Amino acid sequence: MNTIVSLKNSMMNSFHLAKEEFLKYLDSIRGYSPLTIQSYDDAISMMLRESEISEDMGKIEINLMPFRLKISHLSPKSISLKLSAVRSFVKYLHAQGRKVELRGDESVKVPKSLPKPISHEHVMHALVHAEPMAKLAILLLYTMGLRISELCALKLDDFDDGWSRIHGKGSKERDIPLIAEIGTWIGEYQKSNPSKHYLFEMRGEKLSENSLRYTITKAFASIGLKVTPHQLRHTYATELLNNGARIADVSELLGHESMATTQIYTKLGNALKMDHYRQAHPLCQPREDSV
């Protein structure tokens, strides 16, 4: 019995050490805010405390059902966020070579929330202070609406005559128009960072997503902002739609399989219009003589 207890304690200690390393990764590499990191910490700690965890032949199985019963009183969105934190932690463990299997991991359907774009002024401010690699990466995300994986996969020969060939999800390709200055920016970057195949390259291999993500988040952190590469993609879509672009065109540029996915940005545009209306119309302003 003592041996079993000792093995379980050893396994749990290992999990908690891995959790601390995962939280450091979220902070230093992913650039998550302290509040988000705390929510991940709370969710994972509760999962480790409440779930049934067993090990057999070096493979660890985590039954989430007791954990899910414990959080069943929460809103669907809160449950989904906690499960997402747990899945991210397990994915991190897999990347570290740990054999972990989740049970009771069914998804919870929640309404899609609006994306959070950043202002043009904040992007331009970050560019002033950004290092060459971060500057080019931010400019490409902001002017092309790329996913971070697509940015990493960009090759030098993907750029041609005002267009770029993007290698997207599921091996699907799409062409995105480029603003005139792109060639100049790439040329300047190549002078100090020459590469053979990929635009962002290290020792002949494409730069990892984590390396580029860290470079981008660090540039915004230098001006006191927490901004992810995906927020720049949101900003690209929102700016296009707010300035009259057709939703079908934006959907194609983003590489969405369904136009329904792009609809969320139109909701954001309507929300912004309502805010602007309330700020601008005189009858929406508080009055001293109002009853």
C-alpha atoms as a PDB file:
ATOM      1  CA  MET A   1       0.000   0.000   0.000  1.00  0.00           C
ATOM      2  CA  ASN A   2       2.804   2.402   0.917  1.00  0.00           C
ATOM      3  CA  THR A   3       4.458   1.679  -2.422  1.00  0.00           C
ATOM      4  CA  ILE A   4       1.244   2.540  -4.336  1.00  0.00           C
ATOM      5  CA  VAL A   5       0.812   5.772  -2.364  1.00  0.00           C
ATOM      6  CA  SER A   6       4.459   6.679  -2.986  1.00  0.00           C
ATOM      7  CA  LEU A   7       4.095   6.078  -6.735  1.00  0.00           C
ATOM      8  CA  LYS A   8       0.916   8.181  -6.878  1.00  0.00           C
ATOM      9  CA  ASN A   9       2.546  11.013  -4.950  1.00  0.00           C
ATOM     10  CA  SER A  10       5.550  10.878  -7.274  1.00  0.00           C
ATOM     11  CA  MET A  11       3.279  11.023 -10.327  1.00  0.00           C
ATOM     12  CA  MET A  12       1.323  13.991  -8.929  1.00  0.00           C
ATOM     13  CA  ASN A  13       4.528  15.843  -8.054  1.00  0.00           C
ATOM     14  CA  SER A  14       5.681  15.301 -11.622  1.00  0.00           C
ATOM     15  CA  PHE A  15       2.399  16.725 -12.915  1.00  0.00           C
ATOM     16  CA  HIS A  16       2.659  19.803 -10.732  1.00  0.00           C
ATOM     17  CA  LEU A  17       6.238  20.451 -11.856  1.00  0.00           C
ATOM     18  CA  ALA A  18       5.104  20.095 -15.473  1.00  0.00           C
ATOM     19  CA  LYS A  19       2.259  22.511 -14.785  1.00  0.00           C
ATOM     20  CA  GLU A  20       4.702  25.152 -13.510  1.00  0.00           C
ATOM     21  CA  GLU A  21       6.846  24.737 -16.640  1.00  0.00           C
ATOM     22  CA  PHE A  22       3.707  25.009 -18.794  1.00  0.00           C
ATOM     23  CA  LEU A  23       2.690  28.261 -17.086  1.00  0.00           C
ATOM     24  CA  LYS A  24       6.171  29.680 -17.685  1.00  0.00           C
ATOM     25  CA  TYR A  25       5.807  28.714 -21.343  1.00  0.00           C
ATOM     26  CA  LEU A  26       2.476  30.549 -21.571  1.00  0.00           C
ATOM     27  CA  ASP A  27       4.121  33.648 -20.120  1.00  0.00           C
ATOM     28  CA  SER A  28       7.476  33.776 -21.905  1.00  0.00           C
ATOM     29  CA  ILE A  29       6.655  32.159 -25.268  1.00  0.00           C
ATOM     30  CA  ARG A  30       2.931  32.629 -25.811  1.00  0.00           C
ATOM     31  CA  GLY A  31       2.791  36.047 -24.165  1.00  0.00           C
ATOM     32  CA  TYR A  32      -0.404  35.356 -22.196  1.00  0.00           C
ATOM     33  CA  SER A  33      -1.596  37.930 -19.680  1.00  0.00           C
ATOM     34  CA  PRO A  34      -1.153  37.269 -15.927  1.00  0.00           C
ATOM     35  CA  LEU A  35      -4.939  36.965 -15.566  1.00  0.00           C
ATOM     36  CA  THR A  36      -5.142  34.310 -18.299  1.00  0.00           C
ATOM     37  CA  ILE A  37      -2.202  32.396 -16.828  1.00  0.00           C
ATOM     38  CA  GLN A  38      -3.908  32.423 -13.420  1.00  0.00           C
ATOM     39  CA  SER A  39      -7.094  31.010 -14.961  1.00  0.00           C
ATOM     40  CA  TYR A  40      -5.032  28.210 -16.575  1.00  0.00           C
ATOM     41  CA  ASP A  41      -3.343  27.533 -13.237  1.00  0.00           C
ATOM     42  CA  ASP A  42      -6.696  27.340 -11.427  1.00  0.00           C
ATOM     43  CA  ALA A  43      -8.247  25.029 -14.037  1.00  0.00           C
ATOM     44  CA  ILE A  44      -5.281  22.637 -14.234  1.00  0.00           C
ATOM     45  CA  SER A  45      -4.790  22.518 -10.457  1.00  0.00           C
ATOM     46  CA  MET A  46      -8.465  21.710  -9.966  1.00  0.00           C
ATOM     47  CA  MET A  47      -8.315  19.070 -12.690  1.00  0.00           C
ATOM     48  CA  LEU A  48      -5.324  17.379 -11.031  1.00  0.00           C
ATOM     49  CA  ARG A  49      -7.087  17.503  -7.676  1.00  0.00           C
ATOM     50  CA  GLU A  50     -10.499  16.213  -8.795  1.00  0.00           C
ATOM     51  CA  SER A  51      -9.807  13.823 -11.696  1.00  0.00           C
ATOM     52  CA  GLU A  52      -9.092  10.100 -11.505  1.00  0.00           C
ATOM     53  CA  ILE A  53      -5.497   9.613 -12.628  1.00  0.00           C
ATOM     54  CA  SER A  54      -3.925   6.212 -13.165  1.00  0.00           C
ATOM     55  CA  GLU A  55      -0.774   4.857 -14.795  1.00  0.00           C
ATOM     56  CA  ASP A  56      -0.247   1.577 -16.595  1.00  0.00           C
ATOM     57  CA  MET A  57       2.916   0.516 -18.444  1.00  0.00           C
ATOM     58  CA  GLY A  58       4.202   4.091 -18.597  1.00  0.00           C
ATOM     59  CA  LYS A  59       0.924   5.453 -20.011  1.00  0.00           C
ATOM     60  CA  ILE A  60      -1.091   7.865 -17.885  1.00  0.00           C
ATOM     61  CA  GLU A  61      -4.873   8.011 -18.142  1.00  0.00           C
ATOM     62  CA  ILE A  62      -6.848  10.994 -16.815  1.00  0.00           C
ATOM     63  CA  ASN A  63     -10.577  10.495 -16.335  1.00  0.00           C
ATOM     64  CA  LEU A  64     -12.083  13.997 -16.333  1.00  0.00           C
ATOM     65  CA  MET A  65     -15.612  12.999 -15.305  1.00  0.00           C
ATOM     66  CA  PRO A  66     -15.186  13.784 -11.552  1.00  0.00           C
ATOM     67  CA  PHE A  67     -13.665  17.131 -12.531  1.00  0.00           C
ATOM     68  CA  ARG A  68     -16.521  17.855 -14.940  1.00  0.00           C
ATOM     69  CA  LEU A  69     -19.095  17.015 -12.264  1.00  0.00           C
ATOM     70  CA  LYS A  70     -17.362  19.476  -9.949  1.00  0.00           C
ATOM     71  CA  ILE A  71     -17.669  22.312 -12.488  1.00  0.00           C
ATOM     72  CA  SER A  72     -21.077  21.328 -13.886  1.00  0.00           C
ATOM     73  CA  HIS A  73     -22.791  24.270 -12.153  1.00  0.00           C
ATOM     74  CA  LEU A  74     -20.757  26.771 -14.182  1.00  0.00           C
ATOM     75  CA  SER A  75     -21.858  28.363 -17.462  1.00  0.00           C
ATOM     76  CA  PRO A  76     -21.104  26.480 -20.705  1.00  0.00           C
ATOM     77  CA  LYS A  77     -18.508  29.115 -21.588  1.00  0.00           C
ATOM     78  CA  SER A  78     -16.701  28.752 -18.243  1.00  0.00           C
ATOM     79  CA  ILE A  79     -16.694  24.954 -18.536  1.00  0.00           C
ATOM     80  CA  SER A  80     -15.365  25.202 -22.087  1.00  0.00           C
ATOM     81  CA  LEU A  81     -12.556  27.532 -21.000  1.00  0.00           C
ATOM     82  CA  LYS A  82     -11.473  25.190 -18.206  1.00  0.00           C
ATOM     83  CA  LEU A  83     -11.514  22.171 -20.522  1.00  0.00           C
ATOM     84  CA  SER A  84      -9.547  24.150 -23.095  1.00  0.00           C
ATOM     85  CA  ALA A  85      -6.883  24.929 -20.493  1.00  0.00           C
ATOM     86  CA  VAL A  86      -6.652  21.229 -19.604  1.00  0.00           C
ATOM     87  CA  ARG A  87      -6.373  20.206 -23.258  1.00  0.00           C
ATOM     88  CA  SER A  88      -3.618  22.762 -23.837  1.00  0.00           C
ATOM     89  CA  PHE A  89      -1.722  21.387 -20.839  1.00  0.00           C
ATOM     90  CA  VAL A  90      -2.030  17.805 -22.105  1.00  0.00           C
ATOM     91  CA  LYS A  91      -0.925  18.897 -25.576  1.00  0.00           C
ATOM     92  CA  TYR A  92       2.140  20.462 -23.943  1.00  0.00           C
ATOM     93  CA  LEU A  93       2.822  17.190 -22.114  1.00  0.00           C
ATOM     94  CA  HIS A  94       2.618  15.303 -25.413  1.00  0.00           C
ATOM     95  CA  ALA A  95       5.190  17.702 -26.884  1.00  0.00           C
ATOM     96  CA  GLN A  96       7.447  16.853 -23.926  1.00  0.00           C
ATOM     97  CA  GLY A  97       7.175  13.150 -24.739  1.00  0.00           C
ATOM     98  CA  ARG A  98       4.703  12.251 -21.981  1.00  0.00           C
ATOM     99  CA  LYS A  99       2.091   9.595 -22.799  1.00  0.00           C
ATOM    100  CA  VAL A 100      -1.163  11.002 -21.460  1.00  0.00           C
ATOM    101  CA  GLU A 101      -4.709  10.089 -22.501  1.00  0.00           C
ATOM    102  CA  LEU A 102      -7.846  12.050 -21.573  1.00  0.00           C
ATOM    103  CA  ARG A 103     -11.230  10.465 -20.967  1.00  0.00           C
ATOM    104  CA  GLY A 104     -14.508  12.349 -20.575  1.00  0.00           C
ATOM    105  CA  ASP A 105     -13.187  15.105 -22.807  1.00  0.00           C
ATOM    106  CA  GLU A 106     -16.303  15.864 -24.846  1.00  0.00           C
ATOM    107  CA  SER A 107     -16.611  19.453 -26.052  1.00  0.00           C
ATOM    108  CA  VAL A 108     -19.138  21.937 -24.710  1.00  0.00           C
ATOM    109  CA  LYS A 109     -20.919  24.071 -27.294  1.00  0.00           C
ATOM    110  CA  VAL A 110     -20.795  27.786 -26.511  1.00  0.00           C
ATOM    111  CA  PRO A 111     -21.756  30.856 -28.541  1.00  0.00           C
ATOM    112  CA  LYS A 112     -18.859  32.370 -30.440  1.00  0.00           C
ATOM    113  CA  SER A 113     -17.500  35.505 -28.790  1.00  0.00           C
ATOM    114  CA  LEU A 114     -16.441  38.533 -30.752  1.00  0.00           C
ATOM    115  CA  PRO A 115     -12.759  38.787 -31.670  1.00  0.00           C
ATOM    116  CA  LYS A 116     -10.740  41.620 -30.193  1.00  0.00           C
ATOM    117  CA  PRO A 117      -8.926  43.631 -32.870  1.00  0.00           C
ATOM    118  CA  ILE A 118      -6.394  46.293 -31.969  1.00  0.00           C
ATOM    119  CA  SER A 119      -6.261  49.833 -33.239  1.00  0.00           C
ATOM    120  CA  HIS A 120      -4.223  50.950 -36.245  1.00  0.00           C
ATOM    121  CA  GLU A 121      -2.455  53.450 -33.986  1.00  0.00           C
ATOM    122  CA  HIS A 122      -1.279  50.693 -31.648  1.00  0.00           C
ATOM    123  CA  VAL A 123       0.067  48.657 -34.573  1.00  0.00           C
ATOM    124  CA  MET A 124       2.000  51.626 -35.917  1.00  0.00           C
ATOM    125  CA  HIS A 125       3.336  52.461 -32.457  1.00  0.00           C
ATOM    126  CA  ALA A 126       4.646  48.903 -32.034  1.00  0.00           C
ATOM    127  CA  LEU A 127       6.330  49.041 -35.451  1.00  0.00           C
ATOM    128  CA  VAL A 128       8.371  52.071 -34.412  1.00  0.00           C
ATOM    129  CA  HIS A 129       9.969  50.095 -31.573  1.00  0.00           C
ATOM    130  CA  ALA A 130      10.078  46.648 -33.224  1.00  0.00           C
ATOM    131  CA  GLU A 131      13.248  44.842 -34.288  1.00  0.00           C
ATOM    132  CA  PRO A 132      13.542  44.005 -38.044  1.00  0.00           C
ATOM    133  CA  MET A 133      12.110  40.484 -37.796  1.00  0.00           C
ATOM    134  CA  ALA A 134       9.204  41.540 -35.585  1.00  0.00           C
ATOM    135  CA  LYS A 135       8.513  44.557 -37.793  1.00  0.00           C
ATOM    136  CA  LEU A 136       8.246  42.492 -40.978  1.00  0.00           C
ATOM    137  CA  ALA A 137       6.188  39.764 -39.266  1.00  0.00           C
ATOM    138  CA  ILE A 138       3.717  42.303 -37.846  1.00  0.00           C
ATOM    139  CA  LEU A 139       3.402  44.070 -41.194  1.00  0.00           C
ATOM    140  CA  LEU A 140       2.679  40.809 -43.023  1.00  0.00           C
ATOM    141  CA  LEU A 141       0.076  39.681 -40.481  1.00  0.00           C
ATOM    142  CA  TYR A 142      -1.573  43.101 -40.472  1.00  0.00           C
ATOM    143  CA  THR A 143      -1.677  43.514 -44.260  1.00  0.00           C
ATOM    144  CA  MET A 144      -2.376  39.890 -45.249  1.00  0.00           C
ATOM    145  CA  GLY A 145      -4.468  38.440 -42.411  1.00  0.00           C
ATOM    146  CA  LEU A 146      -2.326  35.321 -42.074  1.00  0.00           C
ATOM    147  CA  ARG A 147      -2.398  32.610 -39.460  1.00  0.00           C
ATOM    148  CA  ILE A 148       0.908  32.241 -37.592  1.00  0.00           C
ATOM    149  CA  SER A 149       1.430  28.829 -39.250  1.00  0.00           C
ATOM    150  CA  GLU A 150       0.992  30.427 -42.677  1.00  0.00           C
ATOM    151  CA  LEU A 151       3.468  33.176 -41.815  1.00  0.00           C
ATOM    152  CA  CYS A 152       6.091  30.579 -40.849  1.00  0.00           C
ATOM    153  CA  ALA A 153       5.520  28.683 -44.102  1.00  0.00           C
ATOM    154  CA  LEU A 154       6.065  31.713 -46.368  1.00  0.00           C
ATOM    155  CA  LYS A 155       8.806  31.069 -48.914  1.00  0.00           C
ATOM    156  CA  LEU A 156      10.719  33.640 -50.915  1.00  0.00           C
ATOM    157  CA  ASP A 157       9.287  32.333 -54.174  1.00  0.00           C
ATOM    158  CA  ASP A 158       5.718  32.651 -52.836  1.00  0.00           C
ATOM    159  CA  PHE A 159       5.853  36.375 -53.693  1.00  0.00           C
ATOM    160  CA  ASP A 160       5.276  37.312 -57.314  1.00  0.00           C
ATOM    161  CA  ASP A 161       3.986  40.391 -59.150  1.00  0.00           C
ATOM    162  CA  GLY A 162       1.925  41.927 -56.341  1.00  0.00           C
ATOM    163  CA  TRP A 163       0.538  38.624 -55.027  1.00  0.00           C
ATOM    164  CA  SER A 164       1.543  35.971 -52.533  1.00  0.00           C
ATOM    165  CA  ARG A 165       0.663  32.280 -52.604  1.00  0.00           C
ATOM    166  CA  ILE A 166      -0.412  31.160 -49.127  1.00  0.00           C
ATOM    167  CA  HIS A 167      -0.222  27.534 -48.003  1.00  0.00           C
ATOM    168  CA  GLY A 168      -3.159  27.244 -45.621  1.00  0.00           C
ATOM    169  CA  LYS A 169      -5.002  24.640 -43.571  1.00  0.00           C
ATOM    170  CA  GLY A 170      -5.514  21.224 -45.101  1.00  0.00           C
ATOM    171  CA  SER A 171      -2.914  21.870 -47.817  1.00  0.00           C
ATOM    172  CA  LYS A 172      -5.264  24.433 -49.359  1.00  0.00           C
ATOM    173  CA  GLU A 173      -3.692  27.340 -51.192  1.00  0.00           C
ATOM    174  CA  ARG A 174      -4.971  30.864 -51.813  1.00  0.00           C
ATOM    175  CA  ASP A 175      -3.577  34.039 -53.344  1.00  0.00           C
ATOM    176  CA  ILE A 176      -3.507  37.298 -51.384  1.00  0.00           C
ATOM    177  CA  PRO A 177      -2.810  40.723 -52.934  1.00  0.00           C
ATOM    178  CA  LEU A 178       0.138  42.638 -51.517  1.00  0.00           C
ATOM    179  CA  ILE A 179       0.490  46.331 -50.813  1.00  0.00           C
ATOM    180  CA  ALA A 180       3.193  48.021 -52.867  1.00  0.00           C
ATOM    181  CA  GLU A 181       5.689  48.387 -49.990  1.00  0.00           C
ATOM    182  CA  ILE A 182       5.907  44.650 -49.256  1.00  0.00           C
ATOM    183  CA  GLY A 183       8.752  44.083 -51.709  1.00  0.00           C
ATOM    184  CA  THR A 184      10.757  46.919 -50.164  1.00  0.00           C
ATOM    185  CA  TRP A 185      10.238  45.612 -46.624  1.00  0.00           C
ATOM    186  CA  ILE A 186      11.276  42.093 -47.605  1.00  0.00           C
ATOM    187  CA  GLY A 187      14.316  43.401 -49.475  1.00  0.00           C
ATOM    188  CA  GLU A 188      15.466  45.402 -46.461  1.00  0.00           C
ATOM    189  CA  TYR A 189      14.998  42.436 -44.158  1.00  0.00           C
ATOM    190  CA  GLN A 190      16.881  40.093 -46.501  1.00  0.00           C
ATOM    191  CA  LYS A 191      19.925  42.388 -46.529  1.00  0.00           C
ATOM    192  CA  SER A 192      20.546  41.761 -42.841  1.00  0.00           C
ATOM    193  CA  ASN A 193      18.870  38.333 -42.619  1.00  0.00           C
ATOM    194  CA  PRO A 194      19.541  36.492 -45.896  1.00  0.00           C
ATOM    195  CA  SER A 195      17.767  33.164 -46.351  1.00  0.00           C
ATOM    196  CA  LYS A 196      17.586  30.487 -49.052  1.00  0.00           C
ATOM    197  CA  HIS A 197      14.018  29.201 -49.009  1.00  0.00           C
ATOM    198  CA  TYR A 198      11.788  30.520 -46.244  1.00  0.00           C
ATOM    199  CA  LEU A 199      11.281  34.198 -45.523  1.00  0.00           C
ATOM    200  CA  PHE A 200      11.882  33.612 -41.811  1.00  0.00           C
ATOM    201  CA  GLU A 201      14.644  31.058 -41.619  1.00  0.00           C
ATOM    202  CA  MET A 202      17.266  29.742 -39.224  1.00  0.00           C
ATOM    203  CA  ARG A 203      20.043  27.405 -40.334  1.00  0.00           C
ATOM    204  CA  GLY A 204      18.195  26.505 -43.521  1.00  0.00           C
ATOM    205  CA  GLU A 205      14.931  25.605 -41.751  1.00  0.00           C
ATOM    206  CA  LYS A 206      11.798  27.692 -41.346  1.00  0.00           C
ATOM    207  CA  LEU A 207      11.552  29.492 -38.052  1.00  0.00           C
ATOM    208  CA  SER A 208       9.208  27.855 -35.545  1.00  0.00           C
ATOM    209  CA  GLU A 209       5.779  29.255 -34.741  1.00  0.00           C
ATOM    210  CA  ASN A 210       6.784  29.757 -31.118  1.00  0.00           C
ATOM    211  CA  SER A 211       9.856  31.790 -32.085  1.00  0.00           C
ATOM    212  CA  LEU A 212       7.870  34.101 -34.358  1.00  0.00           C
ATOM    213  CA  ARG A 213       5.026  34.374 -31.854  1.00  0.00           C
ATOM    214  CA  TYR A 214       7.456  35.356 -29.111  1.00  0.00           C
ATOM    215  CA  THR A 215       9.107  37.958 -31.346  1.00  0.00           C
ATOM    216  CA  ILE A 216       5.731  39.539 -32.153  1.00  0.00           C
ATOM    217  CA  THR A 217       4.339  39.542 -28.610  1.00  0.00           C
ATOM    218  CA  LYS A 218       7.630  40.981 -27.336  1.00  0.00           C
ATOM    219  CA  ALA A 219       7.336  43.919 -29.757  1.00  0.00           C
ATOM    220  CA  PHE A 220       3.893  44.816 -28.415  1.00  0.00           C
ATOM    221  CA  ALA A 221       4.969  44.176 -24.820  1.00  0.00           C
ATOM    222  CA  SER A 222       7.619  46.877 -25.277  1.00  0.00           C
ATOM    223  CA  ILE A 223       4.790  49.432 -25.573  1.00  0.00           C
ATOM    224  CA  GLY A 224       2.766  47.910 -22.748  1.00  0.00           C
ATOM    225  CA  LEU A 225       0.300  45.824 -24.791  1.00  0.00           C
ATOM    226  CA  LYS A 226      -0.614  42.142 -24.769  1.00  0.00           C
ATOM    227  CA  VAL A 227      -1.224  41.319 -28.440  1.00  0.00           C
ATOM    228  CA  THR A 228      -1.222  37.917 -30.135  1.00  0.00           C
ATOM    229  CA  PRO A 229      -0.555  37.196 -33.826  1.00  0.00           C
ATOM    230  CA  HIS A 230      -4.171  36.049 -34.177  1.00  0.00           C
ATOM    231  CA  GLN A 231      -5.384  39.460 -33.033  1.00  0.00           C
ATOM    232  CA  LEU A 232      -3.600  40.969 -36.025  1.00  0.00           C
ATOM    233  CA  ARG A 233      -5.549  38.566 -38.248  1.00  0.00           C
ATOM    234  CA  HIS A 234      -8.765  39.711 -36.532  1.00  0.00           C
ATOM    235  CA  THR A 235      -7.738  43.325 -37.077  1.00  0.00           C
ATOM    236  CA  TYR A 236      -7.091  42.729 -40.780  1.00  0.00           C
ATOM    237  CA  ALA A 237     -10.565  41.250 -41.282  1.00  0.00           C
ATOM    238  CA  THR A 238     -12.308  43.911 -39.221  1.00  0.00           C
ATOM    239  CA  GLU A 239     -10.601  46.791 -41.024  1.00  0.00           C
ATOM    240  CA  LEU A 240     -11.538  45.378 -44.436  1.00  0.00           C
ATOM    241  CA  LEU A 241     -15.193  44.874 -43.529  1.00  0.00           C
ATOM    242  CA  ASN A 242     -15.536  48.224 -41.772  1.00  0.00           C
ATOM    243  CA  ASN A 243     -14.185  49.935 -44.878  1.00  0.00           C
ATOM    244  CA  GLY A 244     -16.578  48.363 -47.362  1.00  0.00           C
ATOM    245  CA  ALA A 245     -14.974  45.081 -48.440  1.00  0.00           C
ATOM    246  CA  ARG A 246     -17.412  42.322 -49.453  1.00  0.00           C
ATOM    247  CA  ILE A 247     -17.737  39.554 -46.889  1.00  0.00           C
ATOM    248  CA  ALA A 248     -17.275  36.923 -49.644  1.00  0.00           C
ATOM    249  CA  ASP A 249     -13.929  38.470 -50.582  1.00  0.00           C
ATOM    250  CA  VAL A 250     -12.780  38.707 -46.956  1.00  0.00           C
ATOM    251  CA  SER A 251     -13.777  35.094 -46.374  1.00  0.00           C
ATOM    252  CA  GLU A 252     -11.662  34.006 -49.339  1.00  0.00           C
ATOM    253  CA  LEU A 253      -8.703  36.128 -48.260  1.00  0.00           C
ATOM    254  CA  LEU A 254      -8.797  34.621 -44.762  1.00  0.00           C
ATOM    255  CA  GLY A 255      -9.015  31.087 -46.123  1.00  0.00           C
ATOM    256  CA  HIS A 256     -12.270  30.298 -44.330  1.00  0.00           C
ATOM    257  CA  GLU A 257     -14.027  27.150 -45.527  1.00  0.00           C
ATOM    258  CA  SER A 258     -17.421  28.702 -44.840  1.00  0.00           C
ATOM    259  CA  MET A 259     -18.580  32.295 -45.069  1.00  0.00           C
ATOM    260  CA  ALA A 260     -20.435  31.689 -41.802  1.00  0.00           C
ATOM    261  CA  THR A 261     -17.063  31.770 -40.024  1.00  0.00           C
ATOM    262  CA  THR A 262     -16.456  35.263 -41.373  1.00  0.00           C
ATOM    263  CA  GLN A 263     -19.868  36.487 -40.164  1.00  0.00           C
ATOM    264  CA  ILE A 264     -18.474  37.025 -36.669  1.00  0.00           C
ATOM    265  CA  TYR A 265     -16.504  40.015 -37.951  1.00  0.00           C
ATOM    266  CA  THR A 266     -19.659  41.665 -39.260  1.00  0.00           C
ATOM    267  CA  LYS A 267     -21.147  41.359 -35.773  1.00  0.00           C
ATOM    268  CA  LEU A 268     -18.079  43.123 -34.435  1.00  0.00           C
ATOM    269  CA  GLY A 269     -18.542  45.886 -36.996  1.00  0.00           C
ATOM    270  CA  ASN A 270     -22.142  46.343 -35.901  1.00  0.00           C
ATOM    271  CA  ALA A 271     -21.073  46.487 -32.251  1.00  0.00           C
ATOM    272  CA  LEU A 272     -18.541  49.217 -33.065  1.00  0.00           C
ATOM    273  CA  LYS A 273     -21.120  51.151 -35.059  1.00  0.00           C
ATOM    274  CA  MET A 274     -23.502  51.024 -32.089  1.00  0.00           C
ATOM    275  CA  ASP A 275     -20.788  52.320 -29.752  1.00  0.00           C
ATOM    276  CA  HIS A 276     -19.959  55.148 -32.142  1.00  0.00           C
ATOM    277  CA  TYR A 277     -23.655  55.993 -32.518  1.00  0.00           C
ATOM    278  CA  ARG A 278     -24.166  56.175 -28.759  1.00  0.00           C
ATOM    279  CA  GLN A 279     -21.138  58.411 -28.387  1.00  0.00           C
ATOM    280  CA  ALA A 280     -22.117  60.713 -31.234  1.00  0.00           C
ATOM    281  CA  HIS A 281     -25.876  61.208 -31.121  1.00  0.00           C
ATOM    282  CA  PRO A 282     -26.980  64.035 -28.793  1.00  0.00           C
ATOM    283  CA  LEU A 283     -30.008  62.122 -27.506  1.00  0.00           C
ATOM    284  CA  CYS A 284     -27.737  59.311 -26.372  1.00  0.00           C
ATOM    285  CA  GLN A 285     -25.800  61.651 -24.085  1.00  0.00           C
ATOM    286  CA  PRO A 286     -26.749  62.140 -20.420  1.00  0.00           C
ATOM    287  CA  ARG A 287     -28.510  65.443 -19.824  1.00  0.00           C
ATOM    288  CA  GLU A 288     -28.755  67.499 -16.655  1.00  0.00           C
ATOM    289  CA  ASP A 289     -32.489  68.089 -17.160  1.00  0.00           C
ATOM    290  CA  SER A 290     -33.320  64.426 -17.757  1.00  0.00           C
ATOM    291  CA  VAL A 291     -35.778  62.849 -15.373  1.00  0.00           C
END
